[in-house]
Amino acid sequence: MAEWKVLITDRAWPDFDVESQLLDDIGATIIPATDTSEAELVSLAGQAHAIMTCWAQVTAPVIEAASSLRIVARYGIGLDNISVDTATQRGIPVTYVPDYCVGEVSDHALALLLACARNIAHFHTQLKSEIYDLKAAPTMKRLSGQILGLVGMGRIAQALAIKARTLGLEVVATSPTGNNYGTPVQMVSLDTLLRDSDFISLHVPLNEQTHHLIDKHAFHSMKRSAYLINTSRGPVIDQSALEQALKNKQIAGAALDVFDVEPPDLSTALFKLPNLVATPHAAFWSEEALHELRFRTTQQVVDLLSGRTPEHVVNPHVLNRTNDHV
C-alpha cells in the first residue's frame, strides 16, 4: 500500500476525525499546516501527494513546490483561492463540492433579507441598549410585492428564488448565460436589476469579471430604499464604495456574510454603521453540511489516489495524465 501524505492547509473545525476515517483506509497520513502563510505551505507541499484546502491560498509556488502532488481538493464551492491554471498545467486535477450547503446559504441569504426588511438587527441592538422605541426604526414596507434581484443564477440563487416567491416577493435575476433553469424567474440585464430591485442578493463566483462588480457606479444605479445582500465572496463588492454608499444613504442598508479580507478588521468605520448587518462567514454552516463537506472532499482525494475518478473535477481533461501516475 502506498504511503500517501495529505497536506490540510486549514479548516473551520477542531479535529481531523472525518478525514482520518477515510484516509486511514488507504494508508494516508495527514500533514496539518500550522499557519496559512505561503512560506509554510511551500515548505510542507514538498511532502504532499494531495492538498486539501478550505480558505488558505494555494498559490502557484505552493503547487510548484509539491513535486509528488496528485490532487488539490477544495473544501467548498468557490475556487478563487486555488491557482487552478498552475495545477492544470502540471496535469493535477482540482476538485470541489459545488452542490453542498445550498439549503443553508439560501436560508441565510433569506434571513439576512428579512433582517433588513423587518429591522431585526436594529431592534435587537436598541433593546440590548435598553431603548424601547418603535418610532426610531427606519420605515418598513410590506414584503409582498417587492422585487428581489439575484446576481447569478446557480444552485443557491435558484433555491433562494423558490423560498422568496413563497413570501410574495417578485424575483428577477441576471447571469452571463441568461438561463433561468426552468424557474419562473425573469432574466434581465444587470443595469435593469440594479435599477428596479428592492433587495439585491449576490450569488456569483469571484473572478476577474466579478471582482468589484458592485462598485460606486452600481450604488448610484440602485434605489435609495434598496438593500444589498452578499453570501458569495467579499471582493465582489468594492467595500470602500459600500461604506460611502451606506454613510451617504445612497442605499438603505447592506447585509454581509463575506468580506474583502477575512477575518475583517471590525474596528473600521464600516462595522460601526447602523445600516449594516453582518455575520462571520457563517452561511454555509450546519452540522449536516459540515459533515457532508468534509466527507465528500476527503472521498474525492481517496478516489483519486485509489485510481478512481473523483466526483467533481474542475479540469477533467487532466485525469488521464494523473491516473497514469497513481
C-alpha atoms as a PDB file:
ATOM      1  CA  MET A   1       0.000   0.000   0.000  1.00  0.00           C
ATOM      2  CA  ALA A   2       1.314   3.443  -0.955  1.00  0.00           C
ATOM      3  CA  GLU A   3       2.293   5.788   1.853  1.00  0.00           C
ATOM      4  CA  TRP A   4       0.314   8.826   0.799  1.00  0.00           C
ATOM      5  CA  LYS A   5       0.715  12.168   2.541  1.00  0.00           C
ATOM      6  CA  VAL A   6      -2.147  14.686   2.561  1.00  0.00           C
ATOM      7  CA  LEU A   7      -1.494  18.332   3.413  1.00  0.00           C
ATOM      8  CA  ILE A   8      -4.514  20.002   5.042  1.00  0.00           C
ATOM      9  CA  THR A   9      -3.870  23.738   4.876  1.00  0.00           C
ATOM     10  CA  ASP A  10      -6.643  24.983   7.165  1.00  0.00           C
ATOM     11  CA  ARG A  11     -10.070  24.115   8.499  1.00  0.00           C
ATOM     12  CA  ALA A  12     -13.035  25.621  10.374  1.00  0.00           C
ATOM     13  CA  TRP A  13     -13.459  22.639  12.715  1.00  0.00           C
ATOM     14  CA  PRO A  14     -11.375  21.334  15.633  1.00  0.00           C
ATOM     15  CA  ASP A  15     -10.306  17.845  14.530  1.00  0.00           C
ATOM     16  CA  PHE A  16      -9.492  15.507  11.643  1.00  0.00           C
ATOM     17  CA  ASP A  17     -11.866  12.698  12.664  1.00  0.00           C
ATOM     18  CA  VAL A  18     -13.910  12.580   9.454  1.00  0.00           C
ATOM     19  CA  GLU A  19     -10.858  12.905   7.237  1.00  0.00           C
ATOM     20  CA  SER A  20      -8.837  10.300   9.162  1.00  0.00           C
ATOM     21  CA  GLN A  21     -11.562   7.659   8.943  1.00  0.00           C
ATOM     22  CA  LEU A  22     -11.361   7.744   5.151  1.00  0.00           C
ATOM     23  CA  LEU A  23      -7.652   8.409   4.677  1.00  0.00           C
ATOM     24  CA  ASP A  24      -6.585   5.657   7.101  1.00  0.00           C
ATOM     25  CA  ASP A  25      -8.179   3.092   4.790  1.00  0.00           C
ATOM     26  CA  ILE A  26      -5.651   3.888   2.049  1.00  0.00           C
ATOM     27  CA  GLY A  27      -2.692   4.348   4.383  1.00  0.00           C
ATOM     28  CA  ALA A  28      -2.625   8.119   4.024  1.00  0.00           C
ATOM     29  CA  THR A  29      -1.078  10.387   6.649  1.00  0.00           C
ATOM     30  CA  ILE A  30      -2.338  13.891   7.341  1.00  0.00           C
ATOM     31  CA  ILE A  31       0.159  16.769   7.380  1.00  0.00           C
ATOM     32  CA  PRO A  32      -1.513  19.669   9.213  1.00  0.00           C
ATOM     33  CA  ALA A  33      -0.263  23.178   8.411  1.00  0.00           C
ATOM     34  CA  THR A  34       0.458  25.312  11.460  1.00  0.00           C
ATOM     35  CA  ASP A  35      -0.370  28.522   9.606  1.00  0.00           C
ATOM     36  CA  THR A  36      -1.582  29.528   6.164  1.00  0.00           C
ATOM     37  CA  SER A  37       1.373  31.614   5.028  1.00  0.00           C
ATOM     38  CA  GLU A  38       2.744  30.835   1.592  1.00  0.00           C
ATOM     39  CA  ALA A  39       6.147  30.063   3.105  1.00  0.00           C
ATOM     40  CA  GLU A  40       4.641  27.481   5.467  1.00  0.00           C
ATOM     41  CA  LEU A  41       2.604  25.820   2.726  1.00  0.00           C
ATOM     42  CA  VAL A  42       5.541  25.766   0.309  1.00  0.00           C
ATOM     43  CA  SER A  43       7.723  24.117   2.958  1.00  0.00           C
ATOM     44  CA  LEU A  44       5.142  21.372   3.586  1.00  0.00           C
ATOM     45  CA  ALA A  45       3.993  20.864  -0.009  1.00  0.00           C
ATOM     46  CA  GLY A  46       7.172  19.031  -0.967  1.00  0.00           C
ATOM     47  CA  GLN A  47       5.965  16.032   1.047  1.00  0.00           C
ATOM     48  CA  ALA A  48       2.367  16.095  -0.204  1.00  0.00           C
ATOM     49  CA  HIS A  49       0.618  13.792  -2.642  1.00  0.00           C
ATOM     50  CA  ALA A  50      -2.641  15.686  -2.018  1.00  0.00           C
ATOM     51  CA  ILE A  51      -3.612  19.130  -0.757  1.00  0.00           C
ATOM     52  CA  MET A  52      -6.941  19.756   0.921  1.00  0.00           C
ATOM     53  CA  THR A  53      -7.771  23.414   1.488  1.00  0.00           C
ATOM     54  CA  CYS A  54     -10.569  25.458   2.966  1.00  0.00           C
ATOM     55  CA  TRP A  55      -9.740  29.172   2.701  1.00  0.00           C
ATOM     56  CA  ALA A  56      -5.933  29.187   2.540  1.00  0.00           C
ATOM     57  CA  GLN A  57      -4.303  30.451  -0.652  1.00  0.00           C
ATOM     58  CA  VAL A  58      -2.925  27.520  -2.621  1.00  0.00           C
ATOM     59  CA  THR A  59      -0.797  29.634  -4.914  1.00  0.00           C
ATOM     60  CA  ALA A  60       1.329  28.724  -7.902  1.00  0.00           C
ATOM     61  CA  PRO A  61       4.503  28.480  -5.757  1.00  0.00           C
ATOM     62  CA  VAL A  62       2.745  26.088  -3.374  1.00  0.00           C
ATOM     63  CA  ILE A  63       1.637  23.821  -6.219  1.00  0.00           C
ATOM     64  CA  GLU A  64       5.016  24.016  -7.944  1.00  0.00           C
ATOM     65  CA  ALA A  65       6.764  23.029  -4.705  1.00  0.00           C
ATOM     66  CA  ALA A  66       4.733  19.821  -4.499  1.00  0.00           C
ATOM     67  CA  SER A  67       6.705  17.559  -6.828  1.00  0.00           C
ATOM     68  CA  SER A  68       4.632  14.460  -5.966  1.00  0.00           C
ATOM     69  CA  LEU A  69       1.252  16.218  -5.986  1.00  0.00           C
ATOM     70  CA  ARG A  70      -1.687  14.239  -7.419  1.00  0.00           C
ATOM     71  CA  ILE A  71      -4.726  16.353  -6.448  1.00  0.00           C
ATOM     72  CA  VAL A  72      -5.848  19.653  -4.922  1.00  0.00           C
ATOM     73  CA  ALA A  73      -9.233  19.362  -3.189  1.00  0.00           C
ATOM     74  CA  ARG A  74     -11.256  22.380  -2.107  1.00  0.00           C
ATOM     75  CA  TYR A  75     -13.454  22.192   0.968  1.00  0.00           C
ATOM     76  CA  GLY A  76     -16.214  24.220  -0.671  1.00  0.00           C
ATOM     77  CA  ILE A  77     -17.690  25.685  -3.815  1.00  0.00           C
ATOM     78  CA  GLY A  78     -15.535  28.631  -4.866  1.00  0.00           C
ATOM     79  CA  LEU A  79     -12.082  28.157  -6.379  1.00  0.00           C
ATOM     80  CA  ASP A  80     -10.647  31.660  -6.143  1.00  0.00           C
ATOM     81  CA  ASN A  81      -8.081  30.611  -3.501  1.00  0.00           C
ATOM     82  CA  ILE A  82      -6.501  27.948  -5.734  1.00  0.00           C
ATOM     83  CA  SER A  83      -4.211  28.509  -8.719  1.00  0.00           C
ATOM     84  CA  VAL A  84      -6.235  26.196 -10.945  1.00  0.00           C
ATOM     85  CA  ASP A  85      -4.230  27.224 -14.031  1.00  0.00           C
ATOM     86  CA  THR A  86      -0.983  26.106 -12.422  1.00  0.00           C
ATOM     87  CA  ALA A  87      -2.486  22.794 -11.354  1.00  0.00           C
ATOM     88  CA  THR A  88      -3.891  22.226 -14.840  1.00  0.00           C
ATOM     89  CA  GLN A  89      -0.549  22.999 -16.478  1.00  0.00           C
ATOM     90  CA  ARG A  90       1.019  20.332 -14.275  1.00  0.00           C
ATOM     91  CA  GLY A  91      -1.739  17.827 -15.042  1.00  0.00           C
ATOM     92  CA  ILE A  92      -3.113  17.914 -11.496  1.00  0.00           C
ATOM     93  CA  PRO A  93      -6.894  17.663 -11.038  1.00  0.00           C
ATOM     94  CA  VAL A  94      -8.654  20.161  -8.793  1.00  0.00           C
ATOM     95  CA  THR A  95     -11.871  19.064  -7.077  1.00  0.00           C
ATOM     96  CA  TYR A  96     -14.613  20.886  -5.220  1.00  0.00           C
ATOM     97  CA  VAL A  97     -18.110  20.322  -3.814  1.00  0.00           C
ATOM     98  CA  PRO A  98     -20.407  22.591  -5.835  1.00  0.00           C
ATOM     99  CA  ASP A  99     -23.728  21.255  -4.562  1.00  0.00           C
ATOM    100  CA  TYR A 100     -23.355  21.199  -0.777  1.00  0.00           C
ATOM    101  CA  CYS A 101     -24.867  23.787   1.640  1.00  0.00           C
ATOM    102  CA  VAL A 102     -27.372  25.019  -0.979  1.00  0.00           C
ATOM    103  CA  GLY A 103     -30.131  24.957   1.628  1.00  0.00           C
ATOM    104  CA  GLU A 104     -28.010  26.607   4.298  1.00  0.00           C
ATOM    105  CA  VAL A 105     -26.749  29.504   2.171  1.00  0.00           C
ATOM    106  CA  SER A 106     -30.123  30.204   0.583  1.00  0.00           C
ATOM    107  CA  ASP A 107     -31.694  30.147   4.061  1.00  0.00           C
ATOM    108  CA  HIS A 108     -29.019  32.531   5.340  1.00  0.00           C
ATOM    109  CA  ALA A 109     -29.476  34.942   2.445  1.00  0.00           C
ATOM    110  CA  LEU A 110     -33.212  34.947   3.090  1.00  0.00           C
ATOM    111  CA  ALA A 111     -32.611  35.502   6.807  1.00  0.00           C
ATOM    112  CA  LEU A 112     -30.394  38.498   6.028  1.00  0.00           C
ATOM    113  CA  LEU A 113     -33.068  39.856   3.697  1.00  0.00           C
ATOM    114  CA  LEU A 114     -35.706  39.547   6.429  1.00  0.00           C
ATOM    115  CA  ALA A 115     -33.356  41.092   8.994  1.00  0.00           C
ATOM    116  CA  CYS A 116     -33.117  44.151   6.748  1.00  0.00           C
ATOM    117  CA  ALA A 117     -36.771  44.277   5.773  1.00  0.00           C
ATOM    118  CA  ARG A 118     -38.055  43.959   9.331  1.00  0.00           C
ATOM    119  CA  ASN A 119     -35.293  45.936  11.124  1.00  0.00           C
ATOM    120  CA  ILE A 120     -34.408  42.878  13.218  1.00  0.00           C
ATOM    121  CA  ALA A 121     -30.798  43.889  13.874  1.00  0.00           C
ATOM    122  CA  HIS A 122     -31.813  47.475  14.625  1.00  0.00           C
ATOM    123  CA  PHE A 123     -34.470  46.484  17.148  1.00  0.00           C
ATOM    124  CA  HIS A 124     -32.175  43.896  18.737  1.00  0.00           C
ATOM    125  CA  THR A 125     -29.371  46.427  19.216  1.00  0.00           C
ATOM    126  CA  GLN A 126     -31.751  49.044  20.590  1.00  0.00           C
ATOM    127  CA  LEU A 127     -33.336  46.701  23.097  1.00  0.00           C
ATOM    128  CA  LYS A 128     -29.950  45.405  24.267  1.00  0.00           C
ATOM    129  CA  SER A 129     -29.093  49.062  24.914  1.00  0.00           C
ATOM    130  CA  GLU A 130     -32.344  49.418  26.938  1.00  0.00           C
ATOM    131  CA  ILE A 131     -34.038  51.532  24.254  1.00  0.00           C
ATOM    132  CA  TYR A 132     -37.644  50.571  23.532  1.00  0.00           C
ATOM    133  CA  ASP A 133     -38.704  52.845  20.689  1.00  0.00           C
ATOM    134  CA  LEU A 134     -40.572  51.590  17.645  1.00  0.00           C
ATOM    135  CA  LYS A 135     -40.601  55.037  16.052  1.00  0.00           C
ATOM    136  CA  ALA A 136     -36.782  55.229  15.966  1.00  0.00           C
ATOM    137  CA  ALA A 137     -36.592  52.459  13.385  1.00  0.00           C
ATOM    138  CA  PRO A 138     -36.286  53.026   9.636  1.00  0.00           C
ATOM    139  CA  THR A 139     -39.554  52.826   7.713  1.00  0.00           C
ATOM    140  CA  MET A 140     -40.712  49.306   6.878  1.00  0.00           C
ATOM    141  CA  LYS A 141     -42.697  48.260   3.811  1.00  0.00           C
ATOM    142  CA  ARG A 142     -44.781  45.160   3.223  1.00  0.00           C
ATOM    143  CA  LEU A 143     -42.529  42.429   1.818  1.00  0.00           C
ATOM    144  CA  SER A 144     -45.069  41.008  -0.620  1.00  0.00           C
ATOM    145  CA  GLY A 145     -44.818  42.692  -3.996  1.00  0.00           C
ATOM    146  CA  GLN A 146     -41.273  43.961  -3.564  1.00  0.00           C
ATOM    147  CA  ILE A 147     -38.575  42.867  -6.018  1.00  0.00           C
ATOM    148  CA  LEU A 148     -35.631  40.616  -5.195  1.00  0.00           C
ATOM    149  CA  GLY A 149     -32.829  40.764  -7.746  1.00  0.00           C
ATOM    150  CA  LEU A 150     -30.439  37.799  -7.904  1.00  0.00           C
ATOM    151  CA  VAL A 151     -26.993  38.449  -9.355  1.00  0.00           C
ATOM    152  CA  GLY A 152     -26.083  34.962 -10.525  1.00  0.00           C
ATOM    153  CA  MET A 153     -28.439  32.063 -11.116  1.00  0.00           C
ATOM    154  CA  GLY A 154     -26.661  28.980  -9.779  1.00  0.00           C
ATOM    155  CA  ARG A 155     -27.992  26.361  -7.389  1.00  0.00           C
ATOM    156  CA  ILE A 156     -28.137  28.670  -4.355  1.00  0.00           C
ATOM    157  CA  ALA A 157     -29.822  31.503  -6.227  1.00  0.00           C
ATOM    158  CA  GLN A 158     -32.395  29.089  -7.651  1.00  0.00           C
ATOM    159  CA  ALA A 159     -33.169  27.763  -4.157  1.00  0.00           C
ATOM    160  CA  LEU A 160     -33.466  31.303  -2.798  1.00  0.00           C
ATOM    161  CA  ALA A 161     -35.814  32.267  -5.634  1.00  0.00           C
ATOM    162  CA  ILE A 162     -38.243  29.489  -4.671  1.00  0.00           C
ATOM    163  CA  LYS A 163     -38.202  30.489  -0.994  1.00  0.00           C
ATOM    164  CA  ALA A 164     -38.556  34.201  -1.735  1.00  0.00           C
ATOM    165  CA  ARG A 165     -41.523  33.687  -4.045  1.00  0.00           C
ATOM    166  CA  THR A 166     -43.414  31.879  -1.279  1.00  0.00           C
ATOM    167  CA  LEU A 167     -43.177  35.129   0.724  1.00  0.00           C
ATOM    168  CA  GLY A 168     -44.704  37.102  -2.120  1.00  0.00           C
ATOM    169  CA  LEU A 169     -41.510  38.634  -3.462  1.00  0.00           C
ATOM    170  CA  GLU A 170     -41.172  39.130  -7.177  1.00  0.00           C
ATOM    171  CA  VAL A 171     -37.849  37.662  -8.324  1.00  0.00           C
ATOM    172  CA  VAL A 172     -35.655  38.714 -11.226  1.00  0.00           C
ATOM    173  CA  ALA A 173     -32.113  37.630 -11.972  1.00  0.00           C
ATOM    174  CA  THR A 174     -29.115  38.319 -14.145  1.00  0.00           C
ATOM    175  CA  SER A 175     -26.354  35.984 -15.306  1.00  0.00           C
ATOM    176  CA  PRO A 176     -23.939  35.715 -18.228  1.00  0.00           C
ATOM    177  CA  THR A 177     -25.971  32.905 -19.812  1.00  0.00           C
ATOM    178  CA  GLY A 178     -29.420  34.387 -19.232  1.00  0.00           C
ATOM    179  CA  ASN A 179     -30.639  30.887 -18.302  1.00  0.00           C
ATOM    180  CA  ASN A 180     -33.398  30.712 -15.668  1.00  0.00           C
ATOM    181  CA  TYR A 181     -33.154  26.882 -15.494  1.00  0.00           C
ATOM    182  CA  GLY A 182     -36.872  26.391 -15.923  1.00  0.00           C
ATOM    183  CA  THR A 183     -37.819  28.611 -12.990  1.00  0.00           C
ATOM    184  CA  PRO A 184     -40.425  31.396 -13.240  1.00  0.00           C
ATOM    185  CA  VAL A 185     -37.669  33.958 -12.637  1.00  0.00           C
ATOM    186  CA  GLN A 186     -37.427  36.727 -15.221  1.00  0.00           C
ATOM    187  CA  MET A 187     -33.901  37.212 -16.542  1.00  0.00           C
ATOM    188  CA  VAL A 188     -32.859  40.840 -17.001  1.00  0.00           C
ATOM    189  CA  SER A 189     -29.702  42.878 -17.522  1.00  0.00           C
ATOM    190  CA  LEU A 190     -27.570  43.875 -14.548  1.00  0.00           C
ATOM    191  CA  ASP A 191     -28.429  47.532 -15.141  1.00  0.00           C
ATOM    192  CA  THR A 192     -32.152  46.768 -15.041  1.00  0.00           C
ATOM    193  CA  LEU A 193     -31.780  44.630 -11.928  1.00  0.00           C
ATOM    194  CA  LEU A 194     -29.836  47.330 -10.077  1.00  0.00           C
ATOM    195  CA  ARG A 195     -32.384  49.984 -11.037  1.00  0.00           C
ATOM    196  CA  ASP A 196     -35.557  48.055 -10.186  1.00  0.00           C
ATOM    197  CA  SER A 197     -34.734  45.783  -7.232  1.00  0.00           C
ATOM    198  CA  ASP A 198     -35.680  46.456  -3.618  1.00  0.00           C
ATOM    199  CA  PHE A 199     -33.295  43.726  -2.450  1.00  0.00           C
ATOM    200  CA  ILE A 200     -30.190  42.587  -4.351  1.00  0.00           C
ATOM    201  CA  SER A 201     -28.581  39.265  -3.399  1.00  0.00           C
ATOM    202  CA  LEU A 202     -25.187  38.275  -4.806  1.00  0.00           C
ATOM    203  CA  HIS A 203     -24.558  34.674  -5.901  1.00  0.00           C
ATOM    204  CA  VAL A 204     -21.554  34.758  -8.241  1.00  0.00           C
ATOM    205  CA  PRO A 205     -18.070  33.222  -8.098  1.00  0.00           C
ATOM    206  CA  LEU A 206     -15.107  35.535  -7.614  1.00  0.00           C
ATOM    207  CA  ASN A 207     -13.111  36.033 -10.801  1.00  0.00           C
ATOM    208  CA  GLU A 208     -11.776  38.863 -12.960  1.00  0.00           C
ATOM    209  CA  GLN A 209     -15.257  39.654 -14.242  1.00  0.00           C
ATOM    210  CA  THR A 210     -16.941  39.784 -10.844  1.00  0.00           C
ATOM    211  CA  HIS A 211     -14.212  41.459  -8.765  1.00  0.00           C
ATOM    212  CA  HIS A 212     -15.762  44.746  -7.525  1.00  0.00           C
ATOM    213  CA  LEU A 213     -18.786  44.086  -9.735  1.00  0.00           C
ATOM    214  CA  ILE A 214     -20.771  46.152  -7.258  1.00  0.00           C
ATOM    215  CA  ASP A 215     -18.879  49.445  -7.237  1.00  0.00           C
ATOM    216  CA  LYS A 216     -19.713  53.129  -6.808  1.00  0.00           C
ATOM    217  CA  HIS A 217     -21.433  53.198 -10.196  1.00  0.00           C
ATOM    218  CA  ALA A 218     -23.644  50.272  -9.174  1.00  0.00           C
ATOM    219  CA  PHE A 219     -24.627  52.040  -5.963  1.00  0.00           C
ATOM    220  CA  HIS A 220     -25.597  55.138  -7.956  1.00  0.00           C
ATOM    221  CA  SER A 221     -27.904  52.922 -10.028  1.00  0.00           C
ATOM    222  CA  MET A 222     -29.698  51.380  -7.047  1.00  0.00           C
ATOM    223  CA  LYS A 223     -32.792  52.676  -5.305  1.00  0.00           C
ATOM    224  CA  ARG A 224     -32.142  54.704  -2.168  1.00  0.00           C
ATOM    225  CA  SER A 225     -34.523  52.274  -0.437  1.00  0.00           C
ATOM    226  CA  ALA A 226     -32.651  49.170  -1.649  1.00  0.00           C
ATOM    227  CA  TYR A 227     -30.732  46.621   0.445  1.00  0.00           C
ATOM    228  CA  LEU A 228     -27.655  44.704  -0.726  1.00  0.00           C
ATOM    229  CA  ILE A 229     -27.051  41.139   0.496  1.00  0.00           C
ATOM    230  CA  ASN A 230     -23.832  39.175  -0.040  1.00  0.00           C
ATOM    231  CA  THR A 231     -23.290  35.497   0.774  1.00  0.00           C
ATOM    232  CA  SER A 232     -20.952  34.801  -2.156  1.00  0.00           C
ATOM    233  CA  ARG A 233     -17.456  36.330  -1.956  1.00  0.00           C
ATOM    234  CA  GLY A 234     -16.429  39.575  -0.270  1.00  0.00           C
ATOM    235  CA  PRO A 235     -14.431  41.163  -3.131  1.00  0.00           C
ATOM    236  CA  VAL A 236     -17.482  41.052  -5.415  1.00  0.00           C
ATOM    237  CA  ILE A 237     -18.311  44.326  -3.619  1.00  0.00           C
ATOM    238  CA  ASP A 238     -15.990  47.326  -3.548  1.00  0.00           C
ATOM    239  CA  GLN A 239     -16.062  47.601   0.233  1.00  0.00           C
ATOM    240  CA  SER A 240     -14.912  51.233   0.355  1.00  0.00           C
ATOM    241  CA  ALA A 241     -17.652  52.183  -2.113  1.00  0.00           C
ATOM    242  CA  LEU A 242     -20.165  50.311   0.041  1.00  0.00           C
ATOM    243  CA  GLU A 243     -19.053  52.198   3.129  1.00  0.00           C
ATOM    244  CA  GLN A 244     -19.597  55.517   1.368  1.00  0.00           C
ATOM    245  CA  ALA A 245     -22.968  54.403  -0.021  1.00  0.00           C
ATOM    246  CA  LEU A 246     -24.150  53.448   3.470  1.00  0.00           C
ATOM    247  CA  LYS A 247     -22.801  56.635   5.061  1.00  0.00           C
ATOM    248  CA  ASN A 248     -24.410  58.828   2.402  1.00  0.00           C
ATOM    249  CA  LYS A 249     -27.715  56.890   2.461  1.00  0.00           C
ATOM    250  CA  GLN A 250     -27.369  56.081  -1.247  1.00  0.00           C
ATOM    251  CA  ILE A 251     -28.917  52.736  -0.310  1.00  0.00           C
ATOM    252  CA  ALA A 252     -30.952  51.791   2.740  1.00  0.00           C
ATOM    253  CA  GLY A 253     -28.603  49.134   4.017  1.00  0.00           C
ATOM    254  CA  ALA A 254     -26.500  46.040   3.443  1.00  0.00           C
ATOM    255  CA  ALA A 255     -26.221  42.582   4.959  1.00  0.00           C
ATOM    256  CA  LEU A 256     -22.889  40.799   4.560  1.00  0.00           C
ATOM    257  CA  ASP A 257     -21.692  37.313   5.415  1.00  0.00           C
ATOM    258  CA  VAL A 258     -18.428  37.666   3.466  1.00  0.00           C
ATOM    259  CA  PHE A 259     -15.788  40.376   3.348  1.00  0.00           C
ATOM    260  CA  ASP A 260     -12.935  41.656   1.210  1.00  0.00           C
ATOM    261  CA  VAL A 261     -10.432  40.409   3.796  1.00  0.00           C
ATOM    262  CA  GLU A 262     -11.352  37.642   6.231  1.00  0.00           C
ATOM    263  CA  PRO A 263     -11.428  37.929   9.102  1.00  0.00           C
ATOM    264  CA  PRO A 264     -12.209  41.640   8.624  1.00  0.00           C
ATOM    265  CA  ASP A 265     -10.998  44.491  10.790  1.00  0.00           C
ATOM    266  CA  LEU A 266     -14.066  45.060  12.936  1.00  0.00           C
ATOM    267  CA  SER A 267     -12.692  48.364  14.219  1.00  0.00           C
ATOM    268  CA  THR A 268     -13.151  50.052  10.833  1.00  0.00           C
ATOM    269  CA  ALA A 269     -15.930  52.554  10.207  1.00  0.00           C
ATOM    270  CA  LEU A 270     -17.969  50.156   8.066  1.00  0.00           C
ATOM    271  CA  PHE A 271     -18.788  47.927  11.018  1.00  0.00           C
ATOM    272  CA  LYS A 272     -19.933  50.875  13.121  1.00  0.00           C
ATOM    273  CA  LEU A 273     -22.644  51.883  10.656  1.00  0.00           C
ATOM    274  CA  PRO A 274     -26.201  51.259  11.879  1.00  0.00           C
ATOM    275  CA  ASN A 275     -27.434  50.228   8.419  1.00  0.00           C
ATOM    276  CA  LEU A 276     -25.033  47.277   8.141  1.00  0.00           C
ATOM    277  CA  VAL A 277     -25.978  43.763   9.250  1.00  0.00           C
ATOM    278  CA  ALA A 278     -23.055  41.327   9.367  1.00  0.00           C
ATOM    279  CA  THR A 279     -22.380  37.652  10.141  1.00  0.00           C
ATOM    280  CA  PRO A 280     -18.960  35.892  10.240  1.00  0.00           C
ATOM    281  CA  HIS A 281     -18.951  33.829   7.005  1.00  0.00           C
ATOM    282  CA  ALA A 282     -21.499  31.552   8.627  1.00  0.00           C
ATOM    283  CA  ALA A 283     -23.930  30.962   5.746  1.00  0.00           C
ATOM    284  CA  PHE A 284     -22.520  27.551   4.821  1.00  0.00           C
ATOM    285  CA  TRP A 285     -22.582  26.228   8.358  1.00  0.00           C
ATOM    286  CA  SER A 286     -24.782  23.498   9.748  1.00  0.00           C
ATOM    287  CA  GLU A 287     -23.843  20.257  11.445  1.00  0.00           C
ATOM    288  CA  GLU A 288     -25.089  18.297   8.460  1.00  0.00           C
ATOM    289  CA  ALA A 289     -23.483  20.496   5.811  1.00  0.00           C
ATOM    290  CA  LEU A 290     -20.120  20.479   7.562  1.00  0.00           C
ATOM    291  CA  HIS A 291     -20.022  16.686   7.809  1.00  0.00           C
ATOM    292  CA  GLU A 292     -21.073  16.375   4.168  1.00  0.00           C
ATOM    293  CA  LEU A 293     -18.381  18.817   3.073  1.00  0.00           C
ATOM    294  CA  ARG A 294     -15.605  17.062   4.964  1.00  0.00           C
ATOM    295  CA  PHE A 295     -16.689  13.577   3.878  1.00  0.00           C
ATOM    296  CA  ARG A 296     -17.122  14.391   0.197  1.00  0.00           C
ATOM    297  CA  THR A 297     -13.914  16.417  -0.059  1.00  0.00           C
ATOM    298  CA  THR A 298     -11.887  13.640   1.536  1.00  0.00           C
ATOM    299  CA  GLN A 299     -13.616  10.961  -0.544  1.00  0.00           C
ATOM    300  CA  GLN A 300     -12.513  12.740  -3.705  1.00  0.00           C
ATOM    301  CA  VAL A 301      -8.897  12.563  -2.522  1.00  0.00           C
ATOM    302  CA  VAL A 302      -9.297   8.876  -1.635  1.00  0.00           C
ATOM    303  CA  ASP A 303     -10.868   8.156  -5.029  1.00  0.00           C
ATOM    304  CA  LEU A 304      -8.089   9.863  -6.978  1.00  0.00           C
ATOM    305  CA  LEU A 305      -5.275   8.239  -5.002  1.00  0.00           C
ATOM    306  CA  SER A 306      -7.020   4.869  -5.416  1.00  0.00           C
ATOM    307  CA  GLY A 307      -7.201   5.235  -9.199  1.00  0.00           C
ATOM    308  CA  ARG A 308     -10.871   6.179  -9.359  1.00  0.00           C
ATOM    309  CA  THR A 309     -12.442   9.299 -10.866  1.00  0.00           C
ATOM    310  CA  PRO A 310     -13.421  11.867  -8.199  1.00  0.00           C
ATOM    311  CA  GLU A 311     -16.971  13.185  -8.042  1.00  0.00           C
ATOM    312  CA  HIS A 312     -16.430  16.801  -9.131  1.00  0.00           C
ATOM    313  CA  VAL A 313     -13.300  17.704 -11.095  1.00  0.00           C
ATOM    314  CA  VAL A 314     -12.863  21.265 -12.337  1.00  0.00           C
ATOM    315  CA  ASN A 315     -10.300  20.329 -15.010  1.00  0.00           C
ATOM    316  CA  PRO A 316     -11.326  16.775 -16.020  1.00  0.00           C
ATOM    317  CA  HIS A 317      -9.143  16.673 -19.144  1.00  0.00           C
ATOM    318  CA  VAL A 318      -6.070  16.160 -16.934  1.00  0.00           C
ATOM    319  CA  LEU A 319      -7.397  12.951 -15.351  1.00  0.00           C
ATOM    320  CA  ASN A 320      -5.866  10.550 -17.844  1.00  0.00           C
ATOM    321  CA  ARG A 321      -2.433  12.044 -17.272  1.00  0.00           C
ATOM    322  CA  THR A 322      -2.898  11.869 -13.500  1.00  0.00           C
ATOM    323  CA  ASN A 323      -4.166   8.293 -13.364  1.00  0.00           C
ATOM    324  CA  ASP A 324      -1.201   7.105 -15.397  1.00  0.00           C
ATOM    325  CA  HIS A 325       0.994   8.011 -12.402  1.00  0.00           C
ATOM    326  CA  VAL A 326      -1.210   6.870  -9.481  1.00  0.00           C
END
